[in-house]
Amino acid sequence: MGKARHRHKRARRSAVGAAALGLAATVGGVAATQPAAITGSLVDLTALIVVGSSTHPDGSGNENFFGGKFNQAPYNPTGQPGPDLVGVNFWAWTTGIDAALQAHSGEDNAVLSSGWGAANSSLVLSRMDRNSDPALPKTLFILDNNVSRPDGGFGTRYPLFALIGVNPFPSPTDTAAKNVVDIAYQYNYNSNAPADLLNIVAHVNALVAYLYVYRDQDQIDLPVDVDGNPTVTCGGANTCAVLANGAAALPCDDARCEVPEGDRVVAYVTRRGNTTYVTYTVEELPLARLIRDVVPFGGVIADVSEPILKLVVESAYYGGNPIPSDPSQYRPARLMPSPGEIATTVSKVPGAIHEVLEALSADMVGSDPAPVETIKAAVTDEPSGDEIGPGEATSSPRRQADPRHDGSDDDSVHGSHDFEDVDEADDTAADDDQHEVASGNEQPEADFAYGQPEVSSGNDKPRNPTGESGDEPAAQPTRDTSDADRDSDD
């Protein structure tokens, strides 16, 4: 009995060993012929998941947003299309995003989305956080031009858009995610929509802002690292202002601070929970920029109209300022500003009018130098052949007929001589004309002299070739004599 049990255990050990040997051989054979089948499951767990938007459903090319900051290790080490770069079509909605994350769970992943796609990603983020999904702590969410931004996203600002499928719930601020980056653009309809429903000018401006920024994010410098942490610090302030001149970030509590003269704020960076809010500014009101780019004489019109347009547009935002003091605070739409905000806007009208007058004055002063230079050139320049008066008609033909004149002296004359030079040139030209007439070289008068009989009195003396007779003064130009003869013939 004991011997039988011993033989049974030994047989079982032999069978297990054989099975293990067979499995090892199978795995070894697969690894030798298809190494990607083994290593791929280890590498492909990390991914950059690019989510499409309503206007760009497949999301292709969006991996290059922000200079390709997230299109590198640890998410997509090669930076090229491959198994670590996963596209999720917009029409796959939240199901497609969740499926992509679950397929790459366990390693570092990044979800890069924009616009309406960012609203879908925000909905997935909320659901994963609520369900304590194990994939969430290793996932970074980048919500560009976020339609679900708590203060400004048009999905959260106008909840009625939920009727067409827009996520009306604000993006969560403090979650179990690795990090969240929420990005907005000043005045943009997607992420910085006006609060006042009745301010049509502000809504038009927001649509124009959206068009100017559309898919232009490749060149934008995002002030966060590859893990989504801010790269700027400003002491204990809750908001940092990134300056255009590249100086150190300015402490700017609640995005309200004085900016050094000659500089401007490019972006405001605010940290709330594990979410970094980045709000980019613009140099010019989008509506004024459109006028400048499209309307004839748009530069002047934009300069003069922008102060008033800006005042009207910004009155449509809470506090009369499109830059939120706390971007994590939910603020829905309203019909119109409060009485206090209206009073504040009215108090700013004189300042706006002053800016209009300054702009108008600057445009007028800027246009003066051109007419002055034109008048000066007209006074000092030597007249061309086309501008010579009737009494100087022989000057232009003489120059054209003279083969020695190649026009090389024109450039040296125009704009360089003074009035004395003009007088000398005129005297010389007059002497030359008189000499030509006296010598019989003027073609029209020579034709007349040789073609008609000359009437002479007995007192006339023969003329020598130089036009002089004896010791008397030189004869008058034949132009006068021939004219007189022509009159007598007539």
Protein backbone atom coordinates (compact mmCIF):
# COMPACT_ATOMS: atom_id res chain seq x y z
CA MET A 1 0.00 0.00 0.00
CA GLY A 2 2.80 2.40 0.94
CA LYS A 3 4.75 1.45 -2.14
CA ALA A 4 1.75 2.16 -4.36
CA ARG A 5 1.25 5.64 -2.83
CA HIS A 6 4.95 6.39 -3.35
CA ARG A 7 4.80 5.34 -6.99
CA HIS A 8 1.69 7.57 -7.48
CA LYS A 9 3.42 10.70 -6.10
CA ARG A 10 6.47 10.07 -8.20
CA ALA A 11 4.34 9.71 -11.34
CA ARG A 12 2.51 12.96 -10.56
CA ARG A 13 5.78 14.86 -10.09
CA SER A 14 7.01 13.53 -13.39
CA ALA A 15 3.83 14.65 -15.18
CA VAL A 16 4.08 18.16 -13.70
CA GLY A 17 7.73 18.38 -14.68
CA ALA A 18 6.94 17.28 -18.20
CA ALA A 19 4.16 19.83 -18.48
CA ALA A 20 6.43 22.59 -17.20
CA LEU A 21 9.12 21.56 -19.63
CA GLY A 22 6.64 21.60 -22.48
CA LEU A 23 5.35 25.05 -21.50
CA ALA A 24 8.87 26.41 -21.27
CA ALA A 25 9.67 25.00 -24.66
CA THR A 26 6.53 26.57 -26.14
CA VAL A 27 7.23 29.97 -24.64
CA GLY A 28 10.84 29.79 -25.70
CA GLY A 29 9.83 28.94 -29.24
CA VAL A 30 7.38 31.84 -29.43
CA ALA A 31 9.95 34.23 -27.98
CA ALA A 32 12.54 33.10 -30.48
CA THR A 33 10.27 33.54 -33.48
CA GLN A 34 8.08 36.46 -32.31
CA PRO A 35 9.84 38.42 -29.53
CA ALA A 36 7.21 41.20 -29.71
CA ALA A 37 4.61 38.76 -28.44
CA ILE A 38 6.47 38.66 -25.10
CA THR A 39 7.96 42.14 -24.80
CA GLY A 40 5.01 43.92 -26.36
CA SER A 41 2.74 43.21 -23.45
CA LEU A 42 5.27 44.86 -21.15
CA VAL A 43 5.98 47.94 -23.30
CA ASP A 44 2.53 48.58 -24.72
CA LEU A 45 0.97 49.01 -21.29
CA THR A 46 2.11 52.66 -21.35
CA ALA A 47 0.43 54.89 -23.92
CA LEU A 48 -0.43 58.38 -25.09
CA ILE A 49 -4.16 58.28 -25.73
CA VAL A 50 -5.22 61.05 -28.13
CA VAL A 51 -8.94 61.81 -28.12
CA GLY A 52 -10.65 63.43 -31.12
CA SER A 53 -12.96 66.44 -30.99
CA SER A 54 -16.24 67.28 -32.71
CA THR A 55 -14.47 69.28 -35.44
CA HIS A 56 -11.50 66.90 -35.72
CA PRO A 57 -12.93 63.49 -34.84
CA ASP A 58 -9.89 61.24 -35.35
CA GLY A 59 -7.55 63.55 -33.40
CA SER A 60 -4.62 62.85 -35.75
CA GLY A 61 -1.79 65.32 -35.21
CA ASN A 62 -3.01 66.41 -31.79
CA GLU A 63 -0.13 64.48 -30.24
CA ASN A 64 2.04 67.41 -31.37
CA PHE A 65 0.18 69.89 -29.18
CA PHE A 66 2.45 72.02 -26.98
CA GLY A 67 5.52 71.14 -28.97
CA GLY A 68 4.92 67.40 -28.55
CA LYS A 69 5.53 67.67 -24.81
CA PHE A 70 3.57 64.47 -24.08
CA ASN A 71 4.52 62.62 -27.26
CA GLN A 72 7.61 61.17 -25.59
CA ALA A 73 8.64 58.91 -22.71
CA PRO A 74 7.10 57.68 -20.56
CA TYR A 75 3.92 57.72 -22.66
CA ASN A 76 5.17 57.25 -26.22
CA PRO A 77 8.95 56.68 -25.98
CA THR A 78 9.58 56.69 -29.73
CA GLY A 79 7.52 59.80 -30.41
CA GLN A 80 6.28 58.06 -33.55
CA PRO A 81 3.07 56.27 -34.54
CA GLY A 82 3.00 52.81 -33.02
CA PRO A 83 1.40 50.72 -30.31
CA ASP A 84 2.12 53.39 -27.67
CA LEU A 85 0.20 56.08 -29.59
CA VAL A 86 -3.50 55.29 -29.34
CA GLY A 87 -6.17 57.31 -31.11
CA VAL A 88 -9.76 57.39 -29.87
CA ASN A 89 -12.32 58.69 -32.33
CA PHE A 90 -14.64 61.37 -31.01
CA TRP A 91 -17.67 59.29 -31.94
CA ALA A 92 -16.50 56.50 -29.64
CA TRP A 93 -17.45 58.86 -26.79
CA THR A 94 -16.56 57.97 -23.22
CA THR A 95 -16.70 54.22 -23.95
CA GLY A 96 -13.74 54.46 -26.32
CA ILE A 97 -11.64 56.44 -23.85
CA ASP A 98 -12.36 54.05 -21.00
CA ALA A 99 -11.59 51.00 -23.18
CA ALA A 100 -8.22 52.47 -24.22
CA LEU A 101 -7.28 53.15 -20.59
CA GLN A 102 -8.25 49.67 -19.42
CA ALA A 103 -6.26 48.09 -22.24
CA HIS A 104 -3.14 49.93 -21.03
CA SER A 105 -3.80 49.79 -17.29
CA GLY A 106 -0.93 49.35 -14.88
CA GLU A 107 1.62 51.77 -16.33
CA ASP A 108 1.93 55.51 -16.89
CA ASN A 109 -0.61 56.79 -19.41
CA ALA A 110 -1.65 60.24 -20.62
CA VAL A 111 -5.02 61.20 -22.08
CA LEU A 112 -4.65 64.23 -24.37
CA SER A 113 -7.96 65.74 -25.44
CA SER A 114 -9.30 69.07 -26.66
CA GLY A 115 -12.62 70.91 -26.93
CA TRP A 116 -15.68 68.69 -26.77
CA GLY A 117 -13.32 65.72 -26.58
CA ALA A 118 -11.96 67.19 -23.35
CA ALA A 119 -15.49 67.28 -21.96
CA ASN A 120 -15.81 63.56 -22.72
CA SER A 121 -12.46 62.86 -21.05
CA SER A 122 -13.60 64.88 -18.04
CA LEU A 123 -16.66 62.67 -17.73
CA VAL A 124 -14.44 59.55 -17.78
CA LEU A 125 -12.18 61.12 -15.13
CA SER A 126 -15.16 61.74 -12.83
CA ARG A 127 -16.45 58.22 -13.27
CA MET A 128 -13.05 56.59 -12.65
CA ASP A 129 -12.51 58.68 -9.54
CA ARG A 130 -15.94 57.81 -8.22
CA ASN A 131 -15.30 54.08 -8.80
CA SER A 132 -11.71 54.16 -7.43
CA ASP A 133 -10.46 52.72 -10.72
CA PRO A 134 -6.93 51.26 -10.28
CA ALA A 135 -5.84 52.75 -13.64
CA LEU A 136 -6.47 56.30 -12.47
CA PRO A 137 -3.47 56.94 -10.16
CA LYS A 138 -1.06 56.37 -13.07
CA THR A 139 -3.00 58.42 -15.62
CA LEU A 140 -2.40 62.07 -16.53
CA PHE A 141 -5.33 63.99 -18.05
CA ILE A 142 -4.66 66.99 -20.32
CA LEU A 143 -7.93 68.86 -20.96
CA ASP A 144 -7.14 71.46 -23.63
CA ASN A 145 -9.70 74.21 -24.41
CA ASN A 146 -11.92 72.36 -21.97
CA VAL A 147 -15.63 72.65 -22.74
CA SER A 148 -16.32 71.43 -19.17
CA ARG A 149 -14.12 73.94 -17.36
CA PRO A 150 -15.98 75.00 -14.18
CA ASP A 151 -15.77 78.73 -14.95
CA GLY A 152 -15.95 79.32 -18.69
CA GLY A 153 -16.53 76.03 -20.52
CA PHE A 154 -19.59 76.40 -22.73
CA GLY A 155 -20.84 72.95 -21.71
CA THR A 156 -20.95 73.97 -18.05
CA ARG A 157 -21.84 77.61 -18.74
CA TYR A 158 -24.87 76.64 -20.83
CA PRO A 159 -26.22 73.29 -19.52
CA LEU A 160 -28.86 73.15 -22.26
CA PHE A 161 -26.13 71.93 -24.61
CA ALA A 162 -26.52 68.61 -22.79
CA LEU A 163 -29.46 68.06 -25.13
CA ILE A 164 -26.98 67.43 -27.95
CA GLY A 165 -24.62 65.36 -25.80
CA VAL A 166 -22.26 67.94 -24.29
CA ASN A 167 -21.10 67.07 -20.78
CA PRO A 168 -22.74 69.65 -18.46
CA PHE A 169 -20.82 68.60 -15.34
CA PRO A 170 -17.75 70.65 -14.30
CA SER A 171 -14.41 68.87 -14.44
CA PRO A 172 -13.43 67.67 -10.93
CA THR A 173 -10.63 69.54 -9.18
CA ASP A 174 -9.13 67.08 -6.70
CA THR A 175 -9.07 63.45 -7.87
CA ALA A 176 -6.96 60.30 -7.53
CA ALA A 177 -5.48 60.88 -10.99
CA LYS A 178 -1.73 61.30 -11.41
CA ASN A 179 -2.40 64.95 -12.36
CA VAL A 180 -4.87 67.02 -14.36
CA VAL A 181 -4.01 69.98 -16.60
CA ASP A 182 -6.98 72.19 -17.51
CA ILE A 183 -6.24 74.73 -20.28
CA ALA A 184 -8.32 77.71 -21.40
CA TYR A 185 -7.88 80.62 -23.82
CA GLN A 186 -9.11 84.15 -23.12
CA TYR A 187 -12.49 84.92 -24.76
CA ASN A 188 -12.57 81.49 -26.49
CA TYR A 189 -16.09 80.07 -26.75
CA ASN A 190 -14.97 76.55 -25.78
CA SER A 191 -13.26 77.36 -22.49
CA ASN A 192 -13.92 81.06 -21.72
CA ALA A 193 -17.48 81.64 -22.90
CA PRO A 194 -19.34 84.82 -21.88
CA ALA A 195 -21.60 84.56 -18.86
CA ASP A 196 -24.25 87.00 -20.09
CA LEU A 197 -26.71 85.49 -22.54
CA LEU A 198 -27.93 88.85 -23.85
CA ASN A 199 -24.56 90.33 -24.79
CA ILE A 200 -24.43 89.48 -28.50
CA VAL A 201 -21.18 91.38 -29.08
CA ALA A 202 -19.41 89.20 -26.49
CA HIS A 203 -20.72 86.01 -28.09
CA VAL A 204 -19.53 87.05 -31.55
CA ASN A 205 -16.14 87.93 -30.08
CA ALA A 206 -15.93 84.48 -28.41
CA LEU A 207 -16.62 82.72 -31.71
CA VAL A 208 -13.93 84.78 -33.45
CA ALA A 209 -11.49 83.90 -30.64
CA TYR A 210 -12.23 80.21 -31.18
CA LEU A 211 -11.49 80.48 -34.91
CA TYR A 212 -8.18 82.27 -34.35
CA VAL A 213 -6.93 79.60 -31.92
CA TYR A 214 -8.29 76.52 -33.72
CA ARG A 215 -5.64 73.79 -33.90
CA ASP A 216 -2.83 76.28 -33.35
CA GLN A 217 -1.64 74.63 -30.13
CA ASP A 218 1.51 73.08 -31.62
CA GLN A 219 3.47 76.29 -31.04
CA ILE A 220 2.18 76.99 -27.53
CA ASP A 221 4.58 76.61 -24.60
CA LEU A 222 2.72 74.86 -21.78
CA PRO A 223 4.22 75.71 -18.34
CA VAL A 224 3.99 72.17 -16.92
CA ASP A 225 6.36 69.21 -17.02
CA VAL A 226 5.73 65.82 -18.60
CA ASP A 227 4.02 64.64 -15.40
CA GLY A 228 1.65 67.62 -15.34
CA ASN A 229 3.32 69.55 -12.53
CA PRO A 230 3.72 73.36 -12.90
CA THR A 231 7.16 74.51 -13.99
CA VAL A 232 6.69 78.00 -12.56
CA THR A 233 6.66 79.04 -8.90
CA CYS A 234 5.88 82.38 -7.27
CA GLY A 235 6.19 82.02 -3.53
CA GLY A 236 2.99 81.63 -1.57
CA ALA A 237 0.67 83.20 -4.17
CA ASN A 238 -2.19 81.02 -5.38
CA THR A 239 -1.62 82.12 -8.99
CA CYS A 240 1.52 82.79 -11.03
CA ALA A 241 1.60 85.22 -13.96
CA VAL A 242 3.92 84.14 -16.79
CA LEU A 243 5.37 87.27 -18.43
CA ALA A 244 6.07 87.83 -22.11
CA ASN A 245 9.65 89.04 -21.59
CA GLY A 246 10.65 85.73 -20.01
CA ALA A 247 11.30 87.11 -16.55
CA ALA A 248 10.50 85.09 -13.45
CA ALA A 249 6.82 84.42 -12.87
CA LEU A 250 5.00 87.18 -11.05
CA PRO A 251 3.09 86.40 -7.81
CA CYS A 252 -0.50 87.20 -8.72
CA ASP A 253 -3.13 86.19 -6.18
CA ASP A 254 -6.48 85.47 -7.80
CA ALA A 255 -5.02 86.50 -11.17
CA ARG A 256 -5.17 90.17 -10.15
CA CYS A 257 -1.85 92.00 -10.01
CA GLU A 258 0.10 94.92 -11.44
CA VAL A 259 2.21 94.06 -14.49
CA PRO A 260 5.56 95.84 -15.08
CA GLU A 261 5.36 98.65 -17.63
CA GLY A 262 6.16 97.49 -21.14
CA ASP A 263 5.38 93.86 -20.36
CA ARG A 264 2.26 91.71 -20.46
CA VAL A 265 0.99 88.46 -18.96
CA VAL A 266 1.05 85.52 -21.38
CA ALA A 267 -0.65 83.01 -19.07
CA TYR A 268 -1.98 82.62 -15.55
CA VAL A 269 -1.13 79.38 -13.75
CA THR A 270 -3.30 78.31 -10.82
CA ARG A 271 -3.05 75.12 -8.78
CA ARG A 272 -6.14 73.69 -7.09
CA GLY A 273 -6.01 70.17 -5.62
CA ASN A 274 -4.09 68.09 -8.15
CA THR A 275 -5.32 70.19 -11.09
CA THR A 276 -3.18 72.86 -12.75
CA TYR A 277 -5.27 75.51 -14.47
CA VAL A 278 -3.52 77.40 -17.28
CA THR A 279 -5.34 80.40 -18.77
CA TYR A 280 -3.72 82.00 -21.82
CA THR A 281 -4.29 85.66 -22.67
CA VAL A 282 -4.40 87.51 -26.00
CA GLU A 283 -2.71 90.74 -27.05
CA GLU A 284 -5.71 92.10 -28.91
CA LEU A 285 -9.47 91.71 -28.68
CA PRO A 286 -10.33 89.03 -31.28
CA LEU A 287 -13.13 91.15 -32.75
CA ALA A 288 -10.74 94.09 -33.22
CA ARG A 289 -8.20 91.74 -34.75
CA LEU A 290 -10.83 90.56 -37.24
CA ILE A 291 -11.60 94.16 -38.18
CA ARG A 292 -7.89 94.84 -38.65
CA ASP A 293 -7.43 91.76 -40.85
CA VAL A 294 -10.57 91.97 -43.00
CA VAL A 295 -12.09 95.47 -43.16
CA PRO A 296 -10.65 98.13 -45.51
CA PHE A 297 -8.70 100.68 -43.44
CA GLY A 298 -9.16 98.13 -40.66
CA GLY A 299 -6.05 99.22 -38.78
CA VAL A 300 -7.42 102.66 -37.99
CA ILE A 301 -10.93 101.35 -37.33
CA ALA A 302 -9.63 98.64 -34.98
CA ASP A 303 -7.45 101.09 -33.04
CA VAL A 304 -10.30 103.52 -32.53
CA SER A 305 -13.05 100.98 -31.79
CA GLU A 306 -11.20 98.46 -29.61
CA PRO A 307 -11.43 100.34 -26.26
CA ILE A 308 -15.23 100.54 -26.45
CA LEU A 309 -15.63 97.03 -27.87
CA LYS A 310 -13.43 95.61 -25.13
CA LEU A 311 -15.46 97.32 -22.44
CA VAL A 312 -18.70 95.93 -23.88
CA VAL A 313 -17.28 92.41 -24.28
CA GLU A 314 -15.74 92.17 -20.82
CA SER A 315 -18.93 93.38 -19.16
CA ALA A 316 -20.37 89.97 -20.14
CA TYR A 317 -18.03 88.16 -17.70
CA TYR A 318 -18.27 87.88 -13.94
CA GLY A 319 -16.63 90.91 -12.34
CA GLY A 320 -16.09 92.46 -15.79
CA ASN A 321 -12.99 90.31 -16.26
CA PRO A 322 -12.70 87.25 -18.54
CA ILE A 323 -9.77 85.88 -16.49
CA PRO A 324 -11.34 83.95 -13.59
CA SER A 325 -9.94 84.60 -10.14
CA ASP A 326 -10.64 80.96 -9.26
CA PRO A 327 -11.05 78.74 -12.35
CA SER A 328 -12.15 75.81 -10.19
CA GLN A 329 -15.32 77.65 -9.08
CA TYR A 330 -18.45 76.70 -11.01
CA ARG A 331 -20.21 79.69 -12.57
CA PRO A 332 -23.16 79.14 -14.91
CA ALA A 333 -24.65 81.60 -17.40
CA ARG A 334 -26.89 84.54 -16.49
CA LEU A 335 -29.08 86.92 -18.46
CA MET A 336 -27.14 90.13 -17.73
CA PRO A 337 -24.70 91.71 -15.26
CA SER A 338 -25.71 92.67 -11.75
CA PRO A 339 -26.54 96.36 -11.04
CA GLY A 340 -23.19 96.77 -9.30
CA GLU A 341 -21.31 95.40 -12.32
CA ILE A 342 -23.27 97.67 -14.65
CA ALA A 343 -22.28 100.67 -12.52
CA THR A 344 -18.64 99.57 -12.64
CA THR A 345 -18.79 99.28 -16.43
CA VAL A 346 -20.33 102.75 -16.76
CA SER A 347 -17.57 104.19 -14.59
CA LYS A 348 -15.02 102.86 -17.07
CA VAL A 349 -16.59 104.61 -20.08
CA PRO A 350 -14.63 107.92 -19.71
CA GLY A 351 -11.37 105.98 -19.64
CA ALA A 352 -12.37 104.06 -22.76
CA ILE A 353 -13.28 107.31 -24.55
CA HIS A 354 -9.89 108.75 -23.57
CA GLU A 355 -8.21 105.70 -25.13
CA VAL A 356 -10.26 106.20 -28.29
CA LEU A 357 -9.10 109.83 -28.56
CA GLU A 358 -5.50 108.83 -27.96
CA ALA A 359 -5.72 106.17 -30.66
CA LEU A 360 -7.33 108.63 -33.06
CA SER A 361 -4.66 111.23 -32.34
CA ALA A 362 -1.90 108.67 -32.83
CA ASP A 363 -3.33 107.62 -36.19
CA MET A 364 -3.62 111.24 -37.35
CA VAL A 365 -0.08 112.11 -36.29
CA GLY A 366 1.19 108.97 -37.93
CA SER A 367 -0.32 110.04 -41.25
CA ASP A 368 1.21 113.59 -41.32
CA PRO A 369 4.83 112.87 -42.37
CA ALA A 370 3.90 111.44 -45.77
CA PRO A 371 2.14 114.58 -47.12
CA VAL A 372 4.95 116.80 -45.80
CA GLU A 373 7.58 114.77 -47.61
CA THR A 374 5.49 114.77 -50.76
CA ILE A 375 5.17 118.56 -50.71
CA LYS A 376 8.88 118.99 -50.06
CA ALA A 377 9.76 116.72 -52.97
CA ALA A 378 7.39 118.63 -55.26
CA VAL A 379 9.04 121.96 -54.35
CA THR A 380 12.68 120.90 -54.58
CA ASP A 381 12.68 118.39 -57.41
CA GLU A 382 13.54 119.51 -60.97
CA PRO A 383 10.48 119.18 -63.23
CA SER A 384 10.59 116.41 -65.76
CA GLY A 385 9.97 116.88 -69.48
CA ASP A 386 6.27 116.21 -69.00
CA GLU A 387 6.01 118.99 -66.42
CA ILE A 388 7.77 121.78 -68.41
CA GLY A 389 5.67 124.81 -69.23
CA PRO A 390 4.96 126.13 -72.73
CA GLY A 391 7.77 128.69 -72.57
CA GLU A 392 10.34 125.92 -71.96
CA ALA A 393 9.17 123.51 -74.65
CA THR A 394 12.56 123.34 -76.38
CA SER A 395 14.28 121.94 -73.27
CA SER A 396 12.80 118.47 -73.41
CA PRO A 397 13.30 117.80 -77.19
CA ARG A 398 16.89 119.02 -76.90
CA ARG A 399 17.66 116.40 -74.24
CA GLN A 400 15.98 113.64 -76.16
CA ALA A 401 17.85 114.48 -79.38
CA ASP A 402 21.26 114.83 -77.76
CA PRO A 403 23.02 111.42 -77.91
CA ARG A 404 25.43 112.49 -75.19
CA HIS A 405 22.59 112.67 -72.63
CA ASP A 406 21.82 109.30 -71.08
CA GLY A 407 19.73 110.52 -68.12
CA SER A 408 22.46 109.66 -65.63
CA ASP A 409 22.32 113.11 -64.12
CA ASP A 410 18.63 112.86 -63.21
CA ASP A 411 19.17 110.95 -59.99
CA SER A 412 21.82 113.36 -58.84
CA VAL A 413 19.56 116.32 -59.46
CA HIS A 414 16.28 115.19 -57.90
CA GLY A 415 16.02 115.90 -54.22
CA SER A 416 19.68 117.02 -53.88
CA HIS A 417 20.03 120.57 -55.29
CA ASP A 418 18.98 123.86 -53.73
CA PHE A 419 17.16 126.76 -55.28
CA GLU A 420 20.41 128.36 -56.58
CA ASP A 421 21.15 125.21 -58.54
CA VAL A 422 17.67 125.33 -60.07
CA ASP A 423 18.18 128.93 -61.18
CA GLU A 424 21.57 128.14 -62.71
CA ALA A 425 20.18 125.17 -64.56
CA ASP A 426 17.28 127.27 -65.88
CA ASP A 427 19.68 130.05 -67.05
CA THR A 428 21.90 127.55 -68.81
CA ALA A 429 18.92 125.94 -70.52
CA ALA A 430 17.68 129.38 -71.64
CA ASP A 431 21.12 130.31 -73.07
CA ASP A 432 21.31 127.01 -74.92
CA ASP A 433 17.83 127.54 -76.37
CA GLN A 434 18.69 131.05 -77.53
CA HIS A 435 21.94 129.83 -79.07
CA GLU A 436 20.16 127.06 -80.93
CA VAL A 437 17.52 129.47 -82.27
CA ALA A 438 20.10 132.00 -83.35
CA SER A 439 22.22 129.40 -85.11
CA GLY A 440 19.30 128.06 -87.09
CA ASN A 441 19.43 124.61 -85.45
CA GLU A 442 15.82 124.62 -84.33
CA GLN A 443 14.16 122.37 -86.84
CA PRO A 444 10.64 123.88 -87.12
CA GLU A 445 11.96 127.41 -87.83
CA ALA A 446 14.59 126.19 -90.31
CA ASP A 447 11.87 124.50 -92.33
CA PHE A 448 9.92 127.75 -92.42
CA ALA A 449 12.96 129.84 -93.54
CA TYR A 450 13.91 127.50 -96.35
CA GLY A 451 10.38 126.83 -97.52
CA GLN A 452 9.10 130.40 -97.83
CA PRO A 453 10.49 133.50 -99.58
CA GLU A 454 11.95 136.01 -97.18
CA VAL A 455 10.64 139.58 -97.43
CA SER A 456 13.39 142.11 -96.98
CA SER A 457 13.62 145.88 -97.03
CA GLY A 458 16.41 147.77 -98.73
CA ASN A 459 18.00 148.68 -95.46
CA ASP A 460 18.58 145.13 -94.37
CA LYS A 461 22.13 143.91 -94.43
CA PRO A 462 23.15 140.36 -95.31
CA ARG A 463 23.53 138.12 -92.31
CA ASN A 464 26.63 136.06 -91.74
CA PRO A 465 26.38 132.47 -90.53
CA THR A 466 26.70 133.52 -86.92
CA GLY A 467 23.60 135.69 -87.12
CA GLU A 468 25.56 138.97 -86.85
CA SER A 469 25.97 141.79 -89.46
CA GLY A 470 28.91 144.12 -89.29
CA ASP A 471 29.39 145.91 -86.04
CA GLU A 472 25.72 145.93 -85.20
CA PRO A 473 24.31 143.88 -82.33
CA ALA A 474 23.36 140.33 -83.00
CA ALA A 475 20.08 139.89 -84.84
CA GLN A 476 16.97 139.00 -82.90
CA PRO A 477 16.11 135.33 -82.86
CA THR A 478 14.57 134.17 -86.11
CA ARG A 479 11.62 132.95 -84.07
CA ASP A 480 10.44 136.57 -83.72
CA THR A 481 11.05 137.41 -87.44
CA SER A 482 9.42 134.27 -88.71
CA ASP A 483 6.46 134.85 -86.46
CA ALA A 484 6.09 138.34 -87.83
CA ASP A 485 6.35 137.03 -91.40
CA ARG A 486 3.78 134.37 -90.61
CA ASP A 487 1.47 137.07 -89.31
CA SER A 488 1.96 139.21 -92.46
CA ASP A 489 1.27 136.21 -94.71
CA ASP A 490 -1.88 135.43 -92.86
